[in-house]
Amino acid sequence: MILLESQNYIIQTTLAEKIAKPSSLDVQFVDFDGVRFHLSTPERKTSLLLSMHIRCWDELVRYGALDILRREYGSLLVAQPEDEYNVSLVIDLEQVPTDAEAREAFILSVALLKRNALAAPFELGFRSQKELEASGGSQGELMQVHYRDEEAIYVQASPDRVTVIFSTIFQDETDRIFGKVFLQEFVDPRRRLPNVQNAPQVLYTNRDPPLEIRHVPGLRNTDDIGYLTFVLFPRHFANASVASNTISHIQLFRDYLHYHIKCSKAYMHSRMRHRVAEFQKVLNRAKTEVATTERKTVTGRTLVTR
């Protein structure tokens, strides 16, 4: 299966092009989960303004998103973001690193703006787990990130783990069936295969929310909703590199799931069309051809059947 990339491809390619050849720019585009971006050059060609709007911004700020963005972008972060957007970065193309490797790392960092903002509840959960483990506490705060309509991510730290719960809506019956098959495959291999025992524990429930979030008001209790629980143990965020990799992968789980549902449906439709075409060839070969011969009279006239 294909793993989706955390960085925004449009930001990555556009920034690389403008560093090589600065020019005027004004483009708006949308990423996964309805996140809106705006890239423009409001003042001069060598000064890019990148703005982002994400519907769960207030929740992310509550969990420390601004601190993470200041850590990652420093002086690039604008105190007053562009109108109708939550956060803005100003990129001076004349100050971009000249070394090729450093320049690529800088471009990738800017393209990870959405990923870094959404990392806030996960980083806070990892820190809370270490604090609870050291102090012998019971449970941390249940963090809720409503990043889509009627869908959310829930993160809660415990002394020995961090629990991440995704709620996802399946729009039609076909998606629901595919989703159930896919999600069950996340659960079963860990029981069967010894080489994936170090992977996070995965639990899937349909309709009924997990115990950790049943007290949350407003949860849907219908057949078109599913809940997937990831149990992250300290080994999954043992150091900064491992924790960063874990966050990058788990953030995109919902998009990864629905992307592969659509790919599977497209593949099945293509196979069905191919099979129908083969059946039509068989039917065409089975048709009998009626021999037609001309019949003439003694005088040479052709007899026509009416």
C-alpha atoms as a PDB file:
ATOM      1  CA  MET A   1       0.000   0.000   0.000  1.00  0.00           C
ATOM      2  CA  ILE A   2       1.053   3.589  -0.655  1.00  0.00           C
ATOM      3  CA  LEU A   3       2.008   5.771   2.303  1.00  0.00           C
ATOM      4  CA  LEU A   4       0.947   9.388   1.890  1.00  0.00           C
ATOM      5  CA  GLU A   5       3.607  12.041   2.396  1.00  0.00           C
ATOM      6  CA  SER A   6       3.308  14.493   5.273  1.00  0.00           C
ATOM      7  CA  GLN A   7       4.549  17.541   3.367  1.00  0.00           C
ATOM      8  CA  ASN A   8       2.399  19.559   1.005  1.00  0.00           C
ATOM      9  CA  TYR A   9       3.614  18.931  -2.528  1.00  0.00           C
ATOM     10  CA  ILE A  10       2.386  22.258  -3.933  1.00  0.00           C
ATOM     11  CA  ILE A  11       4.254  24.239  -1.288  1.00  0.00           C
ATOM     12  CA  GLN A  12       7.364  22.139  -1.785  1.00  0.00           C
ATOM     13  CA  THR A  13       7.517  22.478  -5.583  1.00  0.00           C
ATOM     14  CA  THR A  14       6.379  26.121  -5.739  1.00  0.00           C
ATOM     15  CA  LEU A  15       8.903  27.252  -3.146  1.00  0.00           C
ATOM     16  CA  ALA A  16      11.715  25.418  -4.950  1.00  0.00           C
ATOM     17  CA  GLU A  17      10.736  27.081  -8.251  1.00  0.00           C
ATOM     18  CA  LYS A  18      10.534  30.575  -6.744  1.00  0.00           C
ATOM     19  CA  ILE A  19      13.900  30.205  -5.022  1.00  0.00           C
ATOM     20  CA  ALA A  20      15.435  29.311  -8.375  1.00  0.00           C
ATOM     21  CA  LYS A  21      13.553  32.064 -10.263  1.00  0.00           C
ATOM     22  CA  PRO A  22      11.642  34.660  -8.167  1.00  0.00           C
ATOM     23  CA  SER A  23       8.445  35.994  -9.692  1.00  0.00           C
ATOM     24  CA  SER A  24       5.029  37.312  -8.664  1.00  0.00           C
ATOM     25  CA  LEU A  25       2.680  34.721  -7.215  1.00  0.00           C
ATOM     26  CA  ASP A  26      -0.887  34.467  -5.927  1.00  0.00           C
ATOM     27  CA  VAL A  27      -2.263  30.949  -5.580  1.00  0.00           C
ATOM     28  CA  GLN A  28      -4.789  29.325  -3.261  1.00  0.00           C
ATOM     29  CA  PHE A  29      -5.120  25.570  -2.779  1.00  0.00           C
ATOM     30  CA  VAL A  30      -6.547  22.971  -0.410  1.00  0.00           C
ATOM     31  CA  ASP A  31      -4.873  20.068   1.368  1.00  0.00           C
ATOM     32  CA  PHE A  32      -6.382  17.004   3.044  1.00  0.00           C
ATOM     33  CA  ASP A  33      -9.095  17.605   5.666  1.00  0.00           C
ATOM     34  CA  GLY A  34     -10.162  20.915   4.136  1.00  0.00           C
ATOM     35  CA  VAL A  35      -7.009  22.809   5.159  1.00  0.00           C
ATOM     36  CA  ARG A  36      -6.672  25.954   3.007  1.00  0.00           C
ATOM     37  CA  PHE A  37      -3.374  27.550   1.938  1.00  0.00           C
ATOM     38  CA  HIS A  38      -2.526  30.849   0.279  1.00  0.00           C
ATOM     39  CA  LEU A  39       0.859  31.551  -1.313  1.00  0.00           C
ATOM     40  CA  SER A  40       1.435  35.107  -2.479  1.00  0.00           C
ATOM     41  CA  THR A  41       3.990  37.885  -2.975  1.00  0.00           C
ATOM     42  CA  PRO A  42       2.123  40.928  -1.592  1.00  0.00           C
ATOM     43  CA  GLU A  43       5.146  43.256  -1.370  1.00  0.00           C
ATOM     44  CA  ARG A  44       7.981  42.068  -3.609  1.00  0.00           C
ATOM     45  CA  LYS A  45       8.938  39.059  -5.704  1.00  0.00           C
ATOM     46  CA  THR A  46      11.545  37.811  -3.241  1.00  0.00           C
ATOM     47  CA  SER A  47       9.204  37.828  -0.230  1.00  0.00           C
ATOM     48  CA  LEU A  48       6.706  34.941  -0.099  1.00  0.00           C
ATOM     49  CA  LEU A  49       3.735  34.953   2.275  1.00  0.00           C
ATOM     50  CA  LEU A  50       2.402  31.507   3.150  1.00  0.00           C
ATOM     51  CA  SER A  51      -0.878  31.401   5.088  1.00  0.00           C
ATOM     52  CA  MET A  52      -2.877  28.428   6.396  1.00  0.00           C
ATOM     53  CA  HIS A  53      -6.443  28.016   7.650  1.00  0.00           C
ATOM     54  CA  ILE A  54      -7.390  24.891   9.610  1.00  0.00           C
ATOM     55  CA  ARG A  55     -10.755  24.458  11.278  1.00  0.00           C
ATOM     56  CA  CYS A  56      -9.370  23.082  14.576  1.00  0.00           C
ATOM     57  CA  TRP A  57      -6.861  25.917  15.081  1.00  0.00           C
ATOM     58  CA  ASP A  58      -8.233  27.041  18.461  1.00  0.00           C
ATOM     59  CA  GLU A  59      -7.930  23.496  19.821  1.00  0.00           C
ATOM     60  CA  LEU A  60      -4.389  23.162  18.481  1.00  0.00           C
ATOM     61  CA  VAL A  61      -3.357  26.460  20.105  1.00  0.00           C
ATOM     62  CA  ARG A  62      -4.728  25.187  23.412  1.00  0.00           C
ATOM     63  CA  TYR A  63      -2.418  22.171  23.148  1.00  0.00           C
ATOM     64  CA  GLY A  64       0.706  24.160  22.250  1.00  0.00           C
ATOM     65  CA  ALA A  65       0.684  24.556  18.455  1.00  0.00           C
ATOM     66  CA  LEU A  66       2.110  28.086  18.553  1.00  0.00           C
ATOM     67  CA  ASP A  67       5.075  26.934  20.662  1.00  0.00           C
ATOM     68  CA  ILE A  68       5.852  24.217  18.121  1.00  0.00           C
ATOM     69  CA  LEU A  69       5.609  26.633  15.189  1.00  0.00           C
ATOM     70  CA  ARG A  70       7.896  29.137  16.947  1.00  0.00           C
ATOM     71  CA  ARG A  71      10.366  26.323  17.566  1.00  0.00           C
ATOM     72  CA  GLU A  72      10.273  25.180  13.935  1.00  0.00           C
ATOM     73  CA  TYR A  73      10.075  28.513  12.096  1.00  0.00           C
ATOM     74  CA  GLY A  74      11.362  31.164  14.479  1.00  0.00           C
ATOM     75  CA  SER A  75      11.351  34.600  12.867  1.00  0.00           C
ATOM     76  CA  LEU A  76       9.431  33.348   9.817  1.00  0.00           C
ATOM     77  CA  LEU A  77       6.252  33.231  11.924  1.00  0.00           C
ATOM     78  CA  VAL A  78       4.157  36.393  11.565  1.00  0.00           C
ATOM     79  CA  ALA A  79       2.574  37.845  14.704  1.00  0.00           C
ATOM     80  CA  GLN A  80      -0.545  38.995  12.808  1.00  0.00           C
ATOM     81  CA  PRO A  81      -1.624  36.365  10.226  1.00  0.00           C
ATOM     82  CA  GLU A  82      -3.304  37.206   6.940  1.00  0.00           C
ATOM     83  CA  ASP A  83      -7.045  37.913   7.053  1.00  0.00           C
ATOM     84  CA  GLU A  84      -9.228  34.761   7.037  1.00  0.00           C
ATOM     85  CA  TYR A  85      -6.222  32.590   7.885  1.00  0.00           C
ATOM     86  CA  ASN A  86      -4.942  31.257  11.206  1.00  0.00           C
ATOM     87  CA  VAL A  87      -1.178  31.401  10.755  1.00  0.00           C
ATOM     88  CA  SER A  88       1.242  32.998   8.282  1.00  0.00           C
ATOM     89  CA  LEU A  89       4.938  32.656   7.439  1.00  0.00           C
ATOM     90  CA  VAL A  90       7.024  35.249   5.597  1.00  0.00           C
ATOM     91  CA  ILE A  91       9.850  33.693   3.577  1.00  0.00           C
ATOM     92  CA  ASP A  92      12.634  35.952   2.288  1.00  0.00           C
ATOM     93  CA  LEU A  93      13.995  34.123  -0.759  1.00  0.00           C
ATOM     94  CA  GLU A  94      17.263  36.084  -0.509  1.00  0.00           C
ATOM     95  CA  GLN A  95      17.901  34.568   2.943  1.00  0.00           C
ATOM     96  CA  VAL A  96      17.350  30.927   1.940  1.00  0.00           C
ATOM     97  CA  PRO A  97      20.432  28.704   2.570  1.00  0.00           C
ATOM     98  CA  THR A  98      22.713  28.443  -0.440  1.00  0.00           C
ATOM     99  CA  ASP A  99      23.915  24.919   0.322  1.00  0.00           C
ATOM    100  CA  ALA A 100      21.795  22.420  -1.659  1.00  0.00           C
ATOM    101  CA  GLU A 101      21.195  20.037   1.233  1.00  0.00           C
ATOM    102  CA  ALA A 102      20.336  22.810   3.692  1.00  0.00           C
ATOM    103  CA  ARG A 103      18.060  24.429   1.093  1.00  0.00           C
ATOM    104  CA  GLU A 104      16.133  21.168   0.569  1.00  0.00           C
ATOM    105  CA  ALA A 105      15.751  20.753   4.331  1.00  0.00           C
ATOM    106  CA  PHE A 106      14.427  24.315   4.606  1.00  0.00           C
ATOM    107  CA  ILE A 107      11.880  23.779   1.792  1.00  0.00           C
ATOM    108  CA  LEU A 108      10.712  20.522   3.382  1.00  0.00           C
ATOM    109  CA  SER A 109      10.309  22.242   6.753  1.00  0.00           C
ATOM    110  CA  VAL A 110       8.052  24.923   5.256  1.00  0.00           C
ATOM    111  CA  ALA A 111       6.030  22.281   3.389  1.00  0.00           C
ATOM    112  CA  LEU A 112       5.398  20.548   6.746  1.00  0.00           C
ATOM    113  CA  LEU A 113       3.478  23.528   8.167  1.00  0.00           C
ATOM    114  CA  LYS A 114       0.217  21.597   8.535  1.00  0.00           C
ATOM    115  CA  ARG A 115       1.975  18.540   9.972  1.00  0.00           C
ATOM    116  CA  ASN A 116       3.799  20.624  12.578  1.00  0.00           C
ATOM    117  CA  ALA A 117       0.614  22.394  13.687  1.00  0.00           C
ATOM    118  CA  LEU A 118      -1.261  19.087  14.062  1.00  0.00           C
ATOM    119  CA  ALA A 119       1.634  17.608  16.033  1.00  0.00           C
ATOM    120  CA  ALA A 120       0.709  19.669  19.119  1.00  0.00           C
ATOM    121  CA  PRO A 121      -1.669  17.230  20.902  1.00  0.00           C
ATOM    122  CA  PHE A 122       0.623  14.274  20.185  1.00  0.00           C
ATOM    123  CA  GLU A 123       3.741  15.969  21.560  1.00  0.00           C
ATOM    124  CA  LEU A 124       1.771  17.076  24.618  1.00  0.00           C
ATOM    125  CA  GLY A 125       0.494  13.533  25.079  1.00  0.00           C
ATOM    126  CA  PHE A 126       4.020  12.107  24.920  1.00  0.00           C
ATOM    127  CA  ARG A 127       5.257  14.619  27.494  1.00  0.00           C
ATOM    128  CA  SER A 128       2.261  13.936  29.737  1.00  0.00           C
ATOM    129  CA  GLN A 129       2.952  10.198  29.645  1.00  0.00           C
ATOM    130  CA  LYS A 130       6.492  10.718  30.908  1.00  0.00           C
ATOM    131  CA  GLU A 131       5.256  13.034  33.666  1.00  0.00           C
ATOM    132  CA  LEU A 132       2.537  10.590  34.741  1.00  0.00           C
ATOM    133  CA  GLU A 133       5.034   7.732  34.734  1.00  0.00           C
ATOM    134  CA  ALA A 134       7.404   9.701  36.952  1.00  0.00           C
ATOM    135  CA  SER A 135       4.731  10.984  39.347  1.00  0.00           C
ATOM    136  CA  GLY A 136       2.559   7.860  39.456  1.00  0.00           C
ATOM    137  CA  GLY A 137      -0.542   9.690  38.217  1.00  0.00           C
ATOM    138  CA  SER A 138      -3.575   8.003  36.709  1.00  0.00           C
ATOM    139  CA  GLN A 139      -4.851   9.677  33.519  1.00  0.00           C
ATOM    140  CA  GLY A 140      -4.010  12.781  31.572  1.00  0.00           C
ATOM    141  CA  GLU A 141      -6.394  15.193  29.872  1.00  0.00           C
ATOM    142  CA  LEU A 142      -8.496  13.831  27.017  1.00  0.00           C
ATOM    143  CA  MET A 143      -7.490  16.066  24.102  1.00  0.00           C
ATOM    144  CA  GLN A 144     -10.003  16.467  21.293  1.00  0.00           C
ATOM    145  CA  VAL A 145      -9.137  17.709  17.806  1.00  0.00           C
ATOM    146  CA  HIS A 146     -12.214  18.186  15.594  1.00  0.00           C
ATOM    147  CA  TYR A 147     -10.333  18.433  12.341  1.00  0.00           C
ATOM    148  CA  ARG A 148     -13.278  17.438  10.078  1.00  0.00           C
ATOM    149  CA  ASP A 149     -17.067  17.678  10.120  1.00  0.00           C
ATOM    150  CA  GLU A 150     -18.346  15.060  12.598  1.00  0.00           C
ATOM    151  CA  GLU A 151     -14.882  13.446  12.818  1.00  0.00           C
ATOM    152  CA  ALA A 152     -12.226  13.929  15.467  1.00  0.00           C
ATOM    153  CA  ILE A 153      -8.939  12.687  16.903  1.00  0.00           C
ATOM    154  CA  TYR A 154      -8.783  11.945  20.630  1.00  0.00           C
ATOM    155  CA  VAL A 155      -5.451  11.742  22.471  1.00  0.00           C
ATOM    156  CA  GLN A 156      -5.052  10.728  26.119  1.00  0.00           C
ATOM    157  CA  ALA A 157      -1.912   9.932  28.100  1.00  0.00           C
ATOM    158  CA  SER A 158      -1.625   7.242  30.790  1.00  0.00           C
ATOM    159  CA  PRO A 159       1.349   6.246  32.946  1.00  0.00           C
ATOM    160  CA  ASP A 160       2.308   3.420  30.548  1.00  0.00           C
ATOM    161  CA  ARG A 161       0.833   4.466  27.195  1.00  0.00           C
ATOM    162  CA  VAL A 162      -0.727   7.129  24.989  1.00  0.00           C
ATOM    163  CA  THR A 163      -4.097   6.261  23.463  1.00  0.00           C
ATOM    164  CA  VAL A 164      -5.070   7.778  20.106  1.00  0.00           C
ATOM    165  CA  ILE A 165      -8.636   7.302  18.850  1.00  0.00           C
ATOM    166  CA  PHE A 166      -9.898   8.194  15.384  1.00  0.00           C
ATOM    167  CA  SER A 167     -13.568   8.522  14.533  1.00  0.00           C
ATOM    168  CA  THR A 168     -14.397   8.293  10.844  1.00  0.00           C
ATOM    169  CA  ILE A 169     -17.600   8.525   8.822  1.00  0.00           C
ATOM    170  CA  PHE A 170     -18.321   6.271   5.837  1.00  0.00           C
ATOM    171  CA  GLN A 171     -20.554   8.106   3.394  1.00  0.00           C
ATOM    172  CA  ASP A 172     -22.098   5.069   1.683  1.00  0.00           C
ATOM    173  CA  GLU A 173     -22.594   1.366   2.227  1.00  0.00           C
ATOM    174  CA  THR A 174     -19.752   0.333  -0.097  1.00  0.00           C
ATOM    175  CA  ASP A 175     -17.228   2.509   1.756  1.00  0.00           C
ATOM    176  CA  ARG A 176     -18.447   1.033   5.033  1.00  0.00           C
ATOM    177  CA  ILE A 177     -17.797  -2.528   3.845  1.00  0.00           C
ATOM    178  CA  PHE A 178     -14.351  -1.699   2.465  1.00  0.00           C
ATOM    179  CA  GLY A 179     -13.496   0.276   5.594  1.00  0.00           C
ATOM    180  CA  LYS A 180     -14.481  -2.586   7.879  1.00  0.00           C
ATOM    181  CA  VAL A 181     -12.295  -5.019   5.916  1.00  0.00           C
ATOM    182  CA  PHE A 182      -9.313  -2.638   5.974  1.00  0.00           C
ATOM    183  CA  LEU A 183      -9.661  -1.728   9.631  1.00  0.00           C
ATOM    184  CA  GLN A 184     -10.002  -5.365  10.656  1.00  0.00           C
ATOM    185  CA  GLU A 185      -6.722  -6.037   8.854  1.00  0.00           C
ATOM    186  CA  PHE A 186      -5.048  -3.547  11.182  1.00  0.00           C
ATOM    187  CA  VAL A 187      -6.256  -5.601  14.129  1.00  0.00           C
ATOM    188  CA  ASP A 188      -5.734  -9.208  13.027  1.00  0.00           C
ATOM    189  CA  PRO A 189      -2.081  -9.299  11.782  1.00  0.00           C
ATOM    190  CA  ARG A 190      -0.741  -8.326  15.201  1.00  0.00           C
ATOM    191  CA  ARG A 191      -2.341 -11.474  16.610  1.00  0.00           C
ATOM    192  CA  ARG A 192      -1.042 -13.755  13.837  1.00  0.00           C
ATOM    193  CA  LEU A 193       2.383 -12.428  12.876  1.00  0.00           C
ATOM    194  CA  PRO A 194       5.225 -12.386  15.412  1.00  0.00           C
ATOM    195  CA  ASN A 195       7.279  -9.864  13.408  1.00  0.00           C
ATOM    196  CA  VAL A 196       4.733  -7.058  14.037  1.00  0.00           C
ATOM    197  CA  GLN A 197       4.481  -7.468  17.798  1.00  0.00           C
ATOM    198  CA  ASN A 198       6.335  -4.179  18.301  1.00  0.00           C
ATOM    199  CA  ALA A 199       3.718  -2.280  16.283  1.00  0.00           C
ATOM    200  CA  PRO A 200       1.098  -0.247  18.170  1.00  0.00           C
ATOM    201  CA  GLN A 201      -1.865  -2.214  19.440  1.00  0.00           C
ATOM    202  CA  VAL A 202      -4.915  -1.565  17.258  1.00  0.00           C
ATOM    203  CA  LEU A 203      -8.583  -1.945  18.226  1.00  0.00           C
ATOM    204  CA  TYR A 204     -11.582  -1.349  15.969  1.00  0.00           C
ATOM    205  CA  THR A 205     -15.220  -0.860  16.922  1.00  0.00           C
ATOM    206  CA  ASN A 206     -18.190  -0.047  14.723  1.00  0.00           C
ATOM    207  CA  ARG A 207     -20.918   2.291  15.990  1.00  0.00           C
ATOM    208  CA  ASP A 208     -20.090   1.949  19.716  1.00  0.00           C
ATOM    209  CA  PRO A 209     -17.373   4.404  20.870  1.00  0.00           C
ATOM    210  CA  PRO A 210     -14.461   3.097  22.986  1.00  0.00           C
ATOM    211  CA  LEU A 211     -14.681   3.356  26.758  1.00  0.00           C
ATOM    212  CA  GLU A 212     -12.152   6.205  26.865  1.00  0.00           C
ATOM    213  CA  ILE A 213     -14.514   8.613  25.053  1.00  0.00           C
ATOM    214  CA  ARG A 214     -18.015   7.356  25.891  1.00  0.00           C
ATOM    215  CA  HIS A 215     -18.515  10.237  28.302  1.00  0.00           C
ATOM    216  CA  VAL A 216     -17.870  12.814  25.557  1.00  0.00           C
ATOM    217  CA  PRO A 217     -21.157  14.557  24.662  1.00  0.00           C
ATOM    218  CA  GLY A 218     -22.447  14.602  21.098  1.00  0.00           C
ATOM    219  CA  LEU A 219     -20.924  11.346  19.857  1.00  0.00           C
ATOM    220  CA  ARG A 220     -22.751   9.664  16.992  1.00  0.00           C
ATOM    221  CA  ASN A 221     -24.158   6.184  17.514  1.00  0.00           C
ATOM    222  CA  THR A 222     -25.011   5.154  13.961  1.00  0.00           C
ATOM    223  CA  ASP A 223     -23.907   2.382  11.608  1.00  0.00           C
ATOM    224  CA  ASP A 224     -21.927   4.732   9.365  1.00  0.00           C
ATOM    225  CA  ILE A 225     -19.295   5.608  11.987  1.00  0.00           C
ATOM    226  CA  GLY A 226     -16.268   3.603  13.074  1.00  0.00           C
ATOM    227  CA  TYR A 227     -13.695   4.086  15.819  1.00  0.00           C
ATOM    228  CA  LEU A 228     -10.088   2.968  15.565  1.00  0.00           C
ATOM    229  CA  THR A 229      -7.860   2.992  18.652  1.00  0.00           C
ATOM    230  CA  PHE A 230      -4.054   3.064  18.510  1.00  0.00           C
ATOM    231  CA  VAL A 231      -2.236   2.258  21.739  1.00  0.00           C
ATOM    232  CA  LEU A 232       1.229   3.851  21.655  1.00  0.00           C
ATOM    233  CA  PHE A 233       3.740   2.555  24.164  1.00  0.00           C
ATOM    234  CA  PRO A 234       6.892   4.451  25.261  1.00  0.00           C
ATOM    235  CA  ARG A 235       8.989   2.596  22.664  1.00  0.00           C
ATOM    236  CA  HIS A 236       6.952   4.307  19.938  1.00  0.00           C
ATOM    237  CA  PHE A 237       8.172   7.743  21.084  1.00  0.00           C
ATOM    238  CA  ALA A 238      11.405   6.795  22.850  1.00  0.00           C
ATOM    239  CA  ASN A 239      13.402   9.657  21.290  1.00  0.00           C
ATOM    240  CA  ALA A 240      12.748  12.727  19.169  1.00  0.00           C
ATOM    241  CA  SER A 241      13.322  10.964  15.846  1.00  0.00           C
ATOM    242  CA  VAL A 242      11.031   8.020  16.629  1.00  0.00           C
ATOM    243  CA  ALA A 243       8.351  10.322  18.067  1.00  0.00           C
ATOM    244  CA  SER A 244       8.459  12.561  14.973  1.00  0.00           C
ATOM    245  CA  ASN A 245       8.085   9.554  12.684  1.00  0.00           C
ATOM    246  CA  THR A 246       5.172   8.217  14.752  1.00  0.00           C
ATOM    247  CA  ILE A 247       3.361  11.569  14.640  1.00  0.00           C
ATOM    248  CA  SER A 248       3.873  11.955  10.887  1.00  0.00           C
ATOM    249  CA  HIS A 249       2.392   8.525  10.166  1.00  0.00           C
ATOM    250  CA  ILE A 250      -0.513   8.547  12.593  1.00  0.00           C
ATOM    251  CA  GLN A 251      -1.716  12.032  11.587  1.00  0.00           C
ATOM    252  CA  LEU A 252      -2.475  10.861   8.056  1.00  0.00           C
ATOM    253  CA  PHE A 253      -4.252   7.655   9.044  1.00  0.00           C
ATOM    254  CA  ARG A 254      -7.757   8.850   8.139  1.00  0.00           C
ATOM    255  CA  ASP A 255      -6.628  10.134   4.727  1.00  0.00           C
ATOM    256  CA  TYR A 256      -4.612   6.951   4.186  1.00  0.00           C
ATOM    257  CA  LEU A 257      -7.673   4.797   4.898  1.00  0.00           C
ATOM    258  CA  HIS A 258     -10.096   6.643   2.630  1.00  0.00           C
ATOM    259  CA  TYR A 259      -7.478   7.007  -0.114  1.00  0.00           C
ATOM    260  CA  HIS A 260      -7.056   3.247  -0.296  1.00  0.00           C
ATOM    261  CA  ILE A 261     -10.808   2.653  -0.145  1.00  0.00           C
ATOM    262  CA  LYS A 262     -11.172   4.804  -3.266  1.00  0.00           C
ATOM    263  CA  CYS A 263      -8.214   3.068  -4.942  1.00  0.00           C
ATOM    264  CA  SER A 264      -9.736  -0.356  -4.223  1.00  0.00           C
ATOM    265  CA  LYS A 265     -13.112   0.701  -5.638  1.00  0.00           C
ATOM    266  CA  ALA A 266     -11.436   2.077  -8.765  1.00  0.00           C
ATOM    267  CA  TYR A 267      -9.485  -1.166  -9.213  1.00  0.00           C
ATOM    268  CA  MET A 268     -12.604  -3.308  -8.816  1.00  0.00           C
ATOM    269  CA  HIS A 269     -14.504  -1.155 -11.305  1.00  0.00           C
ATOM    270  CA  SER A 270     -11.686  -1.499 -13.847  1.00  0.00           C
ATOM    271  CA  ARG A 271     -11.663  -5.296 -13.385  1.00  0.00           C
ATOM    272  CA  MET A 272     -15.448  -5.424 -13.785  1.00  0.00           C
ATOM    273  CA  ARG A 273     -15.271  -3.423 -17.012  1.00  0.00           C
ATOM    274  CA  HIS A 274     -12.536  -5.722 -18.313  1.00  0.00           C
ATOM    275  CA  ARG A 275     -14.591  -8.814 -17.463  1.00  0.00           C
ATOM    276  CA  VAL A 276     -17.702  -7.410 -19.190  1.00  0.00           C
ATOM    277  CA  ALA A 277     -15.621  -6.651 -22.298  1.00  0.00           C
ATOM    278  CA  GLU A 278     -14.360 -10.264 -22.322  1.00  0.00           C
ATOM    279  CA  PHE A 279     -17.916 -11.592 -21.990  1.00  0.00           C
ATOM    280  CA  GLN A 280     -19.015  -9.427 -24.906  1.00  0.00           C
ATOM    281  CA  LYS A 281     -16.264 -10.931 -27.066  1.00  0.00           C
ATOM    282  CA  VAL A 282     -17.469 -14.443 -26.185  1.00  0.00           C
ATOM    283  CA  LEU A 283     -21.061 -13.540 -27.037  1.00  0.00           C
ATOM    284  CA  ASN A 284     -20.009 -11.987 -30.339  1.00  0.00           C
ATOM    285  CA  ARG A 285     -18.119 -15.143 -31.276  1.00  0.00           C
ATOM    286  CA  ALA A 286     -21.195 -17.238 -30.456  1.00  0.00           C
ATOM    287  CA  LYS A 287     -23.444 -15.425 -32.957  1.00  0.00           C
ATOM    288  CA  THR A 288     -24.296 -17.515 -36.041  1.00  0.00           C
ATOM    289  CA  GLU A 289     -23.988 -15.876 -39.418  1.00  0.00           C
ATOM    290  CA  VAL A 290     -26.910 -16.443 -41.790  1.00  0.00           C
ATOM    291  CA  ALA A 291     -25.720 -17.323 -45.291  1.00  0.00           C
ATOM    292  CA  THR A 292     -27.266 -15.086 -47.911  1.00  0.00           C
ATOM    293  CA  THR A 293     -27.392 -16.171 -51.558  1.00  0.00           C
ATOM    294  CA  GLU A 294     -28.976 -14.384 -54.470  1.00  0.00           C
ATOM    295  CA  ARG A 295     -31.784 -16.159 -56.313  1.00  0.00           C
ATOM    296  CA  LYS A 296     -32.536 -15.190 -59.899  1.00  0.00           C
ATOM    297  CA  THR A 297     -35.354 -15.863 -62.293  1.00  0.00           C
ATOM    298  CA  VAL A 298     -34.969 -17.372 -65.761  1.00  0.00           C
ATOM    299  CA  THR A 299     -34.852 -13.897 -67.222  1.00  0.00           C
ATOM    300  CA  GLY A 300     -32.004 -12.871 -64.879  1.00  0.00           C
ATOM    301  CA  ARG A 301     -33.975 -10.797 -62.402  1.00  0.00           C
ATOM    302  CA  THR A 302     -33.011 -10.998 -58.687  1.00  0.00           C
ATOM    303  CA  LEU A 303     -35.626 -12.236 -56.267  1.00  0.00           C
ATOM    304  CA  VAL A 304     -36.037  -9.916 -53.265  1.00  0.00           C
ATOM    305  CA  THR A 305     -37.553 -11.252 -50.013  1.00  0.00           C
ATOM    306  CA  ARG A 306     -40.051  -8.938 -48.382  1.00  0.00           C
END
